[in-house]
Amino acid sequence: MKANEYTKIKINPFAVTRDLREFDKETGNIYETVAILSKRANQIASELKDDFQERVKDFTTHQTQDVFEENQENVEQVELARFYEQLPKPAVMAIHEFENNEIYHKLPEN
């Protein structure tokens, strides 16, 4: 999922008190739920990092001598950085997906 798709989802970016019993209903174990959420948060963070690096690559591929062009690029870089700073944290996104049953998970077979 790209960063633009995460902005379409309305997620409260602030800390919210949650009922722990809601988290262990599906798995039966709060620790399994935390492991699932942490893995999904790492996936989201990796996707966002890759997307950010892809967008920043445009700024680093060419060197400009003109001061005006350099200032324009700096403004674009600042806007890009602000966009990613305003996104909710990956853990909050993972919790949102878990609450809406958007995460597929299964236990490994022994």
C-alpha atoms as a PDB file:
ATOM      1  CA  MET A   1       0.000   0.000   0.000  1.00  0.00           C
ATOM      2  CA  LYS A   2       1.413   3.398  -0.933  1.00  0.00           C
ATOM      3  CA  ALA A   3       1.540   6.385   1.381  1.00  0.00           C
ATOM      4  CA  ASN A   4      -1.266   8.111  -0.516  1.00  0.00           C
ATOM      5  CA  GLU A   5      -3.557   5.181   0.274  1.00  0.00           C
ATOM      6  CA  TYR A   6      -2.834   5.503   3.994  1.00  0.00           C
ATOM      7  CA  THR A   7      -3.912   9.150   3.928  1.00  0.00           C
ATOM      8  CA  LYS A   8      -7.322   8.164   2.567  1.00  0.00           C
ATOM      9  CA  ILE A   9      -8.004   6.155   5.711  1.00  0.00           C
ATOM     10  CA  LYS A  10      -9.179   8.316   8.571  1.00  0.00           C
ATOM     11  CA  ILE A  11      -7.063   7.219  11.523  1.00  0.00           C
ATOM     12  CA  ASN A  12      -6.783   9.082  14.790  1.00  0.00           C
ATOM     13  CA  PRO A  13      -3.016   9.726  15.063  1.00  0.00           C
ATOM     14  CA  PHE A  14      -3.127  10.300  18.811  1.00  0.00           C
ATOM     15  CA  ALA A  15      -2.857   7.811  21.649  1.00  0.00           C
ATOM     16  CA  VAL A  16      -6.214   6.288  22.476  1.00  0.00           C
ATOM     17  CA  THR A  17      -7.098   4.105  25.438  1.00  0.00           C
ATOM     18  CA  ARG A  18      -8.186   0.711  24.162  1.00  0.00           C
ATOM     19  CA  ASP A  19      -9.846  -2.295  25.770  1.00  0.00           C
ATOM     20  CA  LEU A  20      -7.363  -5.185  25.900  1.00  0.00           C
ATOM     21  CA  ARG A  21     -10.161  -7.752  25.795  1.00  0.00           C
ATOM     22  CA  GLU A  22     -11.026  -6.579  22.286  1.00  0.00           C
ATOM     23  CA  PHE A  23      -7.510  -7.448  21.136  1.00  0.00           C
ATOM     24  CA  ASP A  24      -7.385 -11.004  22.430  1.00  0.00           C
ATOM     25  CA  LYS A  25     -10.856 -12.038  21.219  1.00  0.00           C
ATOM     26  CA  GLU A  26      -9.649 -13.152  17.807  1.00  0.00           C
ATOM     27  CA  THR A  27      -6.423 -14.874  18.820  1.00  0.00           C
ATOM     28  CA  GLY A  28      -7.226 -15.847  22.383  1.00  0.00           C
ATOM     29  CA  ASN A  29      -3.860 -14.543  23.508  1.00  0.00           C
ATOM     30  CA  ILE A  30      -2.813 -10.911  23.907  1.00  0.00           C
ATOM     31  CA  TYR A  31       0.825 -11.788  23.207  1.00  0.00           C
ATOM     32  CA  GLU A  32      -0.039 -13.329  19.841  1.00  0.00           C
ATOM     33  CA  THR A  33      -1.997 -10.205  18.983  1.00  0.00           C
ATOM     34  CA  VAL A  34       0.944  -7.989  19.931  1.00  0.00           C
ATOM     35  CA  ALA A  35       3.251 -10.121  17.760  1.00  0.00           C
ATOM     36  CA  ILE A  36       0.828  -9.844  14.818  1.00  0.00           C
ATOM     37  CA  LEU A  37       0.538  -6.078  15.269  1.00  0.00           C
ATOM     38  CA  SER A  38       4.292  -5.599  15.529  1.00  0.00           C
ATOM     39  CA  LYS A  39       4.948  -7.610  12.365  1.00  0.00           C
ATOM     40  CA  ARG A  40       2.306  -5.645  10.465  1.00  0.00           C
ATOM     41  CA  ALA A  41       3.671  -2.332  11.794  1.00  0.00           C
ATOM     42  CA  ASN A  42       7.138  -3.325  10.560  1.00  0.00           C
ATOM     43  CA  GLN A  43       5.677  -4.138   7.129  1.00  0.00           C
ATOM     44  CA  ILE A  44       3.927  -0.773   6.969  1.00  0.00           C
ATOM     45  CA  ALA A  45       7.075   1.072   8.071  1.00  0.00           C
ATOM     46  CA  SER A  46       9.091  -0.731   5.405  1.00  0.00           C
ATOM     47  CA  GLU A  47       6.523   0.144   2.718  1.00  0.00           C
ATOM     48  CA  LEU A  48       6.518   3.800   3.760  1.00  0.00           C
ATOM     49  CA  LYS A  49      10.317   3.900   3.843  1.00  0.00           C
ATOM     50  CA  ASP A  50      10.577   2.403   0.350  1.00  0.00           C
ATOM     51  CA  ASP A  51       7.969   4.837  -0.972  1.00  0.00           C
ATOM     52  CA  PHE A  52       9.764   7.786   0.643  1.00  0.00           C
ATOM     53  CA  GLN A  53      13.149   6.735  -0.763  1.00  0.00           C
ATOM     54  CA  GLU A  54      11.621   6.361  -4.213  1.00  0.00           C
ATOM     55  CA  ARG A  55      10.240   9.892  -4.072  1.00  0.00           C
ATOM     56  CA  VAL A  56      13.451  11.386  -2.673  1.00  0.00           C
ATOM     57  CA  LYS A  57      15.454   9.743  -5.452  1.00  0.00           C
ATOM     58  CA  ASP A  58      14.079  12.395  -7.830  1.00  0.00           C
ATOM     59  CA  PHE A  59      15.794  15.108  -5.799  1.00  0.00           C
ATOM     60  CA  THR A  60      19.178  13.410  -5.580  1.00  0.00           C
ATOM     61  CA  THR A  61      19.610  12.279  -9.199  1.00  0.00           C
ATOM     62  CA  HIS A  62      20.592  15.629 -10.652  1.00  0.00           C
ATOM     63  CA  GLN A  63      22.727  18.438  -9.352  1.00  0.00           C
ATOM     64  CA  THR A  64      21.594  21.971 -10.151  1.00  0.00           C
ATOM     65  CA  GLN A  65      23.725  25.061 -10.329  1.00  0.00           C
ATOM     66  CA  ASP A  66      20.880  27.538 -10.381  1.00  0.00           C
ATOM     67  CA  VAL A  67      20.000  28.898  -6.935  1.00  0.00           C
ATOM     68  CA  PHE A  68      16.342  29.371  -7.860  1.00  0.00           C
ATOM     69  CA  GLU A  69      15.959  25.741  -8.890  1.00  0.00           C
ATOM     70  CA  GLU A  70      17.733  24.623  -5.730  1.00  0.00           C
ATOM     71  CA  ASN A  71      15.369  26.664  -3.541  1.00  0.00           C
ATOM     72  CA  GLN A  72      12.383  25.243  -5.421  1.00  0.00           C
ATOM     73  CA  GLU A  73      13.655  21.717  -4.805  1.00  0.00           C
ATOM     74  CA  ASN A  74      14.158  22.482  -1.113  1.00  0.00           C
ATOM     75  CA  VAL A  75      10.544  23.601  -0.844  1.00  0.00           C
ATOM     76  CA  GLU A  76       9.393  20.382  -2.506  1.00  0.00           C
ATOM     77  CA  GLN A  77      11.570  18.315  -0.184  1.00  0.00           C
ATOM     78  CA  VAL A  78      10.146  20.098   2.859  1.00  0.00           C
ATOM     79  CA  GLU A  79       6.591  19.466   1.630  1.00  0.00           C
ATOM     80  CA  LEU A  80       7.394  15.796   1.103  1.00  0.00           C
ATOM     81  CA  ALA A  81       8.901  15.511   4.582  1.00  0.00           C
ATOM     82  CA  ARG A  82       5.845  17.200   6.138  1.00  0.00           C
ATOM     83  CA  PHE A  83       3.550  14.803   4.281  1.00  0.00           C
ATOM     84  CA  TYR A  84       5.300  11.776   5.789  1.00  0.00           C
ATOM     85  CA  GLU A  85       5.517  13.373   9.240  1.00  0.00           C
ATOM     86  CA  GLN A  86       1.758  13.907   9.288  1.00  0.00           C
ATOM     87  CA  LEU A  87       0.987  10.252   8.608  1.00  0.00           C
ATOM     88  CA  PRO A  88      -0.023   8.211  11.648  1.00  0.00           C
ATOM     89  CA  LYS A  89       2.631   5.953  13.120  1.00  0.00           C
ATOM     90  CA  PRO A  90       2.843   2.438  11.620  1.00  0.00           C
ATOM     91  CA  ALA A  91       1.746   0.872  14.925  1.00  0.00           C
ATOM     92  CA  VAL A  92      -1.434   2.969  14.928  1.00  0.00           C
ATOM     93  CA  MET A  93      -2.101   1.947  11.320  1.00  0.00           C
ATOM     94  CA  ALA A  94      -1.612  -1.722  12.222  1.00  0.00           C
ATOM     95  CA  ILE A  95      -4.039  -1.429  15.146  1.00  0.00           C
ATOM     96  CA  HIS A  96      -6.591   0.213  12.866  1.00  0.00           C
ATOM     97  CA  GLU A  97      -6.253  -2.616  10.342  1.00  0.00           C
ATOM     98  CA  PHE A  98      -6.547  -5.235  13.093  1.00  0.00           C
ATOM     99  CA  GLU A  99      -9.682  -3.645  14.524  1.00  0.00           C
ATOM    100  CA  ASN A 100     -11.276  -3.631  11.060  1.00  0.00           C
ATOM    101  CA  ASN A 101     -10.257  -7.254  10.320  1.00  0.00           C
ATOM    102  CA  GLU A 102      -7.972  -6.189   7.466  1.00  0.00           C
ATOM    103  CA  ILE A 103      -4.996  -8.265   8.645  1.00  0.00           C
ATOM    104  CA  TYR A 104      -4.730 -11.892   7.589  1.00  0.00           C
ATOM    105  CA  HIS A 105      -2.761 -14.096   9.956  1.00  0.00           C
ATOM    106  CA  LYS A 106      -2.437 -17.755  10.810  1.00  0.00           C
ATOM    107  CA  LEU A 107      -0.422 -19.802  13.240  1.00  0.00           C
ATOM    108  CA  PRO A 108       2.468 -21.779  11.793  1.00  0.00           C
ATOM    109  CA  GLU A 109       1.925 -25.503  11.758  1.00  0.00           C
ATOM    110  CA  ASN A 110       4.282 -27.466  13.996  1.00  0.00           C
END
